[in-house]
Amino acid sequence: MNPYEIPAAVQPLPNRALVAAALATESRWLILKELTKGEPRMTIELARLIGSSPDATAKQMFMLRRAGLVEQLYGKLYTIPKKYLPQPGQPVVDFGHCLLRLDAA
């Protein structure tokens, strides 16, 4: 563990209302499931993987990013912050307020 890293237990949690709104559509669940695989993805890749248009997927990414559930890396790559992935590579995300098991999504 990095001695300068803030432990997950004391990191601020994402806003509950924004999390609830961000989890309101199946397409966002599918995006999160793809991102739990650990590989940063571009919007166009995510669109192809979930069967959506790039424009619609970009709007979904905006909602997920606004809620703090994903982060944008260099360029247009998106990922789930490591602090929310208790088991990297597994379809599980822990946002503090809720634990998502995305294997059924």
Protein backbone atom coordinates (compact mmCIF):
# COMPACT_ATOMS: atom_id res chain seq x y z
CA MET A 1 0.00 0.00 0.00
CA ASN A 2 1.18 3.47 -0.86
CA PRO A 3 1.92 5.38 2.41
CA TYR A 4 0.54 8.57 0.80
CA GLU A 5 -2.71 6.97 -0.31
CA ILE A 6 -5.81 7.79 1.71
CA PRO A 7 -7.38 4.57 3.02
CA ALA A 8 -10.69 3.71 1.36
CA ALA A 9 -12.48 3.90 4.72
CA VAL A 10 -11.79 7.65 5.01
CA GLN A 11 -12.21 8.64 1.36
CA PRO A 12 -15.35 10.62 0.65
CA LEU A 13 -18.19 8.62 -0.86
CA PRO A 14 -19.89 9.70 -4.07
CA ASN A 15 -23.14 11.62 -3.68
CA ARG A 16 -25.99 9.13 -3.12
CA ALA A 17 -28.50 11.00 -5.28
CA LEU A 18 -26.05 11.18 -8.18
CA VAL A 19 -25.18 7.49 -7.78
CA ALA A 20 -28.87 6.54 -7.80
CA ALA A 21 -29.50 8.65 -10.92
CA ALA A 22 -26.40 7.26 -12.64
CA LEU A 23 -27.52 3.67 -12.03
CA ALA A 24 -31.00 4.27 -13.45
CA THR A 25 -30.43 2.73 -16.90
CA GLU A 26 -29.41 -0.71 -18.05
CA SER A 27 -26.90 0.73 -20.51
CA ARG A 28 -24.94 2.34 -17.65
CA TRP A 29 -24.88 -1.00 -15.84
CA LEU A 30 -23.50 -2.62 -18.99
CA ILE A 31 -20.85 0.10 -19.29
CA LEU A 32 -19.79 -0.45 -15.68
CA LYS A 33 -19.65 -4.20 -16.27
CA GLU A 34 -17.32 -3.69 -19.25
CA LEU A 35 -15.11 -1.33 -17.25
CA THR A 36 -14.77 -3.80 -14.33
CA LYS A 37 -12.66 -5.93 -16.65
CA GLY A 38 -9.87 -3.48 -15.87
CA GLU A 39 -9.06 -2.23 -19.33
CA PRO A 40 -9.67 1.49 -19.98
CA ARG A 41 -12.06 1.93 -22.88
CA MET A 42 -12.97 4.67 -25.33
CA THR A 43 -16.60 5.72 -25.74
CA ILE A 44 -16.74 4.26 -29.23
CA GLU A 45 -15.50 0.89 -27.94
CA LEU A 46 -18.03 0.88 -25.13
CA ALA A 47 -20.80 1.76 -27.59
CA ARG A 48 -19.91 -1.23 -29.75
CA LEU A 49 -19.66 -3.57 -26.76
CA ILE A 50 -23.05 -2.59 -25.31
CA GLY A 51 -24.85 -2.25 -28.64
CA SER A 52 -25.47 1.49 -28.48
CA SER A 53 -24.60 4.50 -30.59
CA PRO A 54 -21.46 6.50 -29.76
CA ASP A 55 -23.55 9.63 -29.10
CA ALA A 56 -25.87 7.83 -26.67
CA THR A 57 -22.90 6.20 -24.94
CA ALA A 58 -21.16 9.58 -24.59
CA LYS A 59 -24.25 10.88 -22.77
CA GLN A 60 -24.21 7.84 -20.50
CA MET A 61 -20.52 8.42 -19.76
CA PHE A 62 -21.27 12.02 -18.81
CA MET A 63 -23.80 10.83 -16.21
CA LEU A 64 -21.41 8.22 -14.82
CA ARG A 65 -18.55 10.72 -14.69
CA ARG A 66 -20.70 13.41 -13.06
CA ALA A 67 -21.62 10.93 -10.32
CA GLY A 68 -17.92 10.08 -9.81
CA LEU A 69 -18.40 6.44 -10.80
CA VAL A 70 -15.95 6.57 -13.69
CA GLU A 71 -12.99 8.76 -14.46
CA GLN A 72 -11.64 10.00 -17.76
CA LEU A 73 -8.00 9.25 -18.39
CA TYR A 74 -5.79 10.78 -21.06
CA GLY A 75 -7.54 11.16 -24.36
CA LYS A 76 -11.02 9.72 -24.25
CA LEU A 77 -10.30 6.62 -22.20
CA TYR A 78 -12.59 5.84 -19.29
CA THR A 79 -12.09 3.60 -16.27
CA ILE A 80 -13.58 2.90 -12.87
CA PRO A 81 -11.43 4.38 -10.09
CA LYS A 82 -9.40 1.61 -8.43
CA LYS A 83 -10.80 2.50 -5.01
CA TYR A 84 -14.20 1.14 -6.14
CA LEU A 85 -12.86 -2.19 -7.41
CA PRO A 86 -12.42 -4.53 -4.42
CA GLN A 87 -11.50 -7.41 -6.74
CA PRO A 88 -9.87 -6.09 -9.92
CA GLY A 89 -11.05 -8.01 -12.97
CA GLN A 90 -14.23 -9.21 -11.24
CA PRO A 91 -17.68 -7.76 -12.10
CA VAL A 92 -18.07 -6.21 -8.63
CA VAL A 93 -18.03 -2.50 -7.81
CA ASP A 94 -18.23 -1.07 -4.28
CA PHE A 95 -19.34 2.57 -4.24
CA GLY A 96 -19.64 2.63 -0.45
CA HIS A 97 -23.39 3.24 -0.52
CA CYS A 98 -24.00 0.17 -2.62
CA LEU A 99 -22.22 -2.94 -3.83
CA LEU A 100 -22.93 -3.87 -7.45
CA ARG A 101 -22.56 -7.42 -8.69
CA LEU A 102 -22.57 -6.96 -12.43
CA ASP A 103 -22.16 -10.57 -13.53
CA ALA A 104 -25.90 -10.79 -14.19
CA ALA A 105 -26.07 -7.48 -16.09
